[in-house]
C-alpha atoms as a PDB file:
ATOM      1  CA  MET A   1     -19.964   4.255 -13.811  1.00  0.00           C
ATOM      2  CA  GLU A   2     -17.187   6.118 -12.058  1.00  0.00           C
ATOM      3  CA  LYS A   3     -13.878   6.306 -13.904  1.00  0.00           C
ATOM      4  CA  LYS A   4     -10.804   5.459 -11.811  1.00  0.00           C
ATOM      5  CA  GLU A   5      -7.660   7.540 -12.101  1.00  0.00           C
ATOM      6  CA  LYS A   6      -4.362   5.825 -12.751  1.00  0.00           C
ATOM      7  CA  THR A   7      -1.824   6.241  -9.997  1.00  0.00           C
ATOM      8  CA  LYS A   8       1.640   7.055 -11.288  1.00  0.00           C
ATOM      9  CA  LEU A   9       4.496   5.668  -9.250  1.00  0.00           C
ATOM     10  CA  SER A  10       8.204   5.967  -9.615  1.00  0.00           C
ATOM     11  CA  VAL A  11      10.529   2.987  -9.476  1.00  0.00           C
ATOM     12  CA  THR A  12      13.278   3.598  -6.953  1.00  0.00           C
ATOM     13  CA  GLY A  13      15.663   0.891  -8.152  1.00  0.00           C
ATOM     14  CA  ASN A  14      16.922  -2.255  -6.495  1.00  0.00           C
ATOM     15  CA  HIS A  15      17.561  -0.718  -3.066  1.00  0.00           C
ATOM     16  CA  CYS A  16      14.184  -0.025  -1.630  1.00  0.00           C
ATOM     17  CA  VAL A  17      12.047  -0.539   1.399  1.00  0.00           C
ATOM     18  CA  ILE A  18       9.715  -3.066  -0.172  1.00  0.00           C
ATOM     19  CA  SER A  19      11.329  -6.028  -1.921  1.00  0.00           C
ATOM     20  CA  TYR A  20      10.465  -8.734  -4.437  1.00  0.00           C
ATOM     21  CA  PHE A  21       6.974  -8.022  -5.573  1.00  0.00           C
ATOM     22  CA  TYR A  22       5.787 -10.123  -8.479  1.00  0.00           C
ATOM     23  CA  VAL A  23       2.254  -8.884  -8.490  1.00  0.00           C
ATOM     24  CA  ILE A  24       1.743  -6.333  -5.778  1.00  0.00           C
ATOM     25  CA  MET A  25      -1.435  -5.002  -4.437  1.00  0.00           C
ATOM     26  CA  LEU A  26      -0.107  -2.466  -2.045  1.00  0.00           C
ATOM     27  CA  VAL A  27      -3.026  -0.577  -0.777  1.00  0.00           C
ATOM     28  CA  LEU A  28      -2.659   2.506   1.330  1.00  0.00           C
ATOM     29  CA  LEU A  29      -6.197   3.423   1.988  1.00  0.00           C
ATOM     30  CA  LEU A  30      -6.032   6.965   3.143  1.00  0.00           C
ATOM     31  CA  GLY A  31      -9.613   6.765   4.197  1.00  0.00           C
ATOM     32  CA  SER A  32      -8.976   3.733   6.391  1.00  0.00           C
ATOM     33  CA  CYS A  33      -6.145   5.543   8.138  1.00  0.00           C
ATOM     34  CA  VAL A  34      -8.398   8.205   9.587  1.00  0.00           C
ATOM     35  CA  ALA A  35      -8.377   7.849  13.352  1.00  0.00           C
ATOM     36  CA  ASN A  36     -11.211   5.766  14.754  1.00  0.00           C
ATOM     37  CA  ASN A  37     -13.627   7.057  12.117  1.00  0.00           C
ATOM     38  CA  THR A  38     -13.511   3.956   9.969  1.00  0.00           C
ATOM     39  CA  LYS A  39     -14.959   0.829  11.497  1.00  0.00           C
ATOM     40  CA  GLY A  40     -16.682  -2.353  10.387  1.00  0.00           C
ATOM     41  CA  GLU A  41     -18.650  -1.918   7.199  1.00  0.00           C
ATOM     42  CA  GLU A  42     -17.039   1.412   6.317  1.00  0.00           C
ATOM     43  CA  SER A  43     -13.589  -0.173   6.487  1.00  0.00           C
ATOM     44  CA  ALA A  44     -14.661  -3.125   4.328  1.00  0.00           C
ATOM     45  CA  GLU A  45     -16.195  -0.742   1.801  1.00  0.00           C
ATOM     46  CA  LEU A  46     -12.993   1.295   1.539  1.00  0.00           C
ATOM     47  CA  MET A  47     -10.899  -1.856   1.087  1.00  0.00           C
ATOM     48  CA  SER A  48     -13.230  -3.048  -1.687  1.00  0.00           C
ATOM     49  CA  LYS A  49     -12.612   0.223  -3.564  1.00  0.00           C
ATOM     50  CA  ALA A  50      -8.821  -0.159  -3.420  1.00  0.00           C
ATOM     51  CA  VAL A  51      -6.886  -0.413  -6.669  1.00  0.00           C
ATOM     52  CA  PRO A  52      -3.583  -2.228  -7.238  1.00  0.00           C
ATOM     53  CA  VAL A  53      -0.476  -0.159  -7.933  1.00  0.00           C
ATOM     54  CA  TRP A  54       2.545  -1.142 -10.009  1.00  0.00           C
ATOM     55  CA  ALA A  55       5.273   0.437 -12.128  1.00  0.00           C
ATOM     56  CA  GLU A  56       3.668   1.674 -15.342  1.00  0.00           C
ATOM     57  CA  GLY A  57       4.716  -0.333 -18.395  1.00  0.00           C
ATOM     58  CA  ARG A  58       6.447  -3.046 -16.341  1.00  0.00           C
ATOM     59  CA  GLU A  59       3.457  -5.212 -15.496  1.00  0.00           C
ATOM     60  CA  LYS A  60       4.840  -8.363 -17.164  1.00  0.00           C
ATOM     61  CA  GLU A  61       8.416  -8.179 -15.856  1.00  0.00           C
ATOM     62  CA  MET A  62       9.415 -10.653 -13.186  1.00  0.00           C
ATOM     63  CA  ASN A  63      11.743 -10.352 -10.187  1.00  0.00           C
ATOM     64  CA  LEU A  64      11.450  -6.584  -9.886  1.00  0.00           C
ATOM     65  CA  THR A  65      12.348  -4.812  -6.694  1.00  0.00           C
ATOM     66  CA  LEU A  66      10.196  -1.723  -6.276  1.00  0.00           C
ATOM     67  CA  GLY A  67       9.548   0.870  -3.632  1.00  0.00           C
ATOM     68  CA  PHE A  68       6.239   2.602  -3.085  1.00  0.00           C
ATOM     69  CA  ARG A  69       5.524   5.539  -0.854  1.00  0.00           C
ATOM     70  CA  GLY A  70       2.218   6.822   0.399  1.00  0.00           C
ATOM     71  CA  THR A  71       1.599  10.035   2.293  1.00  0.00           C
ATOM     72  CA  PHE A  72      -1.312  10.686   4.608  1.00  0.00           C
ATOM     73  CA  ASN A  73      -2.079  12.814   7.628  1.00  0.00           C
ATOM     74  CA  ALA A  74      -3.579  11.774  10.943  1.00  0.00           C
ATOM     75  CA  ASP A  75      -3.819  13.356  14.361  1.00  0.00           C
ATOM     76  CA  PRO A  76      -0.589  12.713  16.324  1.00  0.00           C
ATOM     77  CA  HIS A  77      -2.192  10.817  19.213  1.00  0.00           C
ATOM     78  CA  SER A  78      -4.869   9.001  17.271  1.00  0.00           C
ATOM     79  CA  GLU A  79      -5.163   5.357  16.346  1.00  0.00           C
ATOM     80  CA  ALA A  80      -5.050   4.460  12.651  1.00  0.00           C
ATOM     81  CA  ILE A  81      -5.484   1.311  10.601  1.00  0.00           C
ATOM     82  CA  LEU A  82      -3.226   0.646   7.627  1.00  0.00           C
ATOM     83  CA  ARG A  83      -4.272  -2.199   5.350  1.00  0.00           C
ATOM     84  CA  VAL A  84      -1.705  -3.744   3.020  1.00  0.00           C
ATOM     85  CA  ALA A  85      -2.304  -6.528   0.518  1.00  0.00           C
ATOM     86  CA  ALA A  86       0.537  -8.072  -1.483  1.00  0.00           C
ATOM     87  CA  SER A  87       1.167 -11.338  -3.257  1.00  0.00           C
ATOM     88  CA  THR A  88       4.803 -11.719  -2.209  1.00  0.00           C
ATOM     89  CA  VAL A  89       7.297 -10.373   0.288  1.00  0.00           C
ATOM     90  CA  TYR A  90       7.017  -6.821   1.571  1.00  0.00           C
ATOM     91  CA  ARG A  91       8.462  -4.778   4.413  1.00  0.00           C
ATOM     92  CA  LEU A  92       6.508  -1.850   5.800  1.00  0.00           C
ATOM     93  CA  PHE A  93       8.002   1.245   7.400  1.00  0.00           C
ATOM     94  CA  LEU A  94       6.079   4.124   8.962  1.00  0.00           C
ATOM     95  CA  ASN A  95       7.929   7.390   9.612  1.00  0.00           C
ATOM     96  CA  GLY A  96      11.203   5.553   9.007  1.00  0.00           C
ATOM     97  CA  GLU A  97      10.487   2.855  11.599  1.00  0.00           C
ATOM     98  CA  PHE A  98       9.940  -0.804  10.723  1.00  0.00           C
ATOM     99  CA  VAL A  99       6.317  -1.775  11.330  1.00  0.00           C
ATOM    100  CA  GLY A 100       6.101  -5.281   9.919  1.00  0.00           C
ATOM    101  CA  SER A 101       6.482  -7.587   6.962  1.00  0.00           C
ATOM    102  CA  GLY A 102       4.445 -10.119   5.115  1.00  0.00           C
ATOM    103  CA  PRO A 103       2.693 -11.932   3.883  1.00  0.00           C
ATOM    104  CA  ALA A 104       1.853 -13.752   7.098  1.00  0.00           C
ATOM    105  CA  ARG A 105       2.151 -17.497   6.610  1.00  0.00           C
END
């Protein structure tokens, strides 16, 4: 069985891009952001391998405001898919520009 590495994240305080996560599953699948290479079954497989991220040692605290940042590279004129899963409100920015928010209801 493959052992998964823990992702360490830093808490950026109460003024952050993403707000009010109770239990977040923010998934930046670098593999799914590769231009046009990930389709159908490959995309579903990558999403199934995603792991939730949260501030280490603060899993049971409520009403936290956290910010998470992911870095990936893609060709400038390519199309990419970014999949995000969260249990409460989030706002997503890409290169400093607002992309969207959720969850969709």
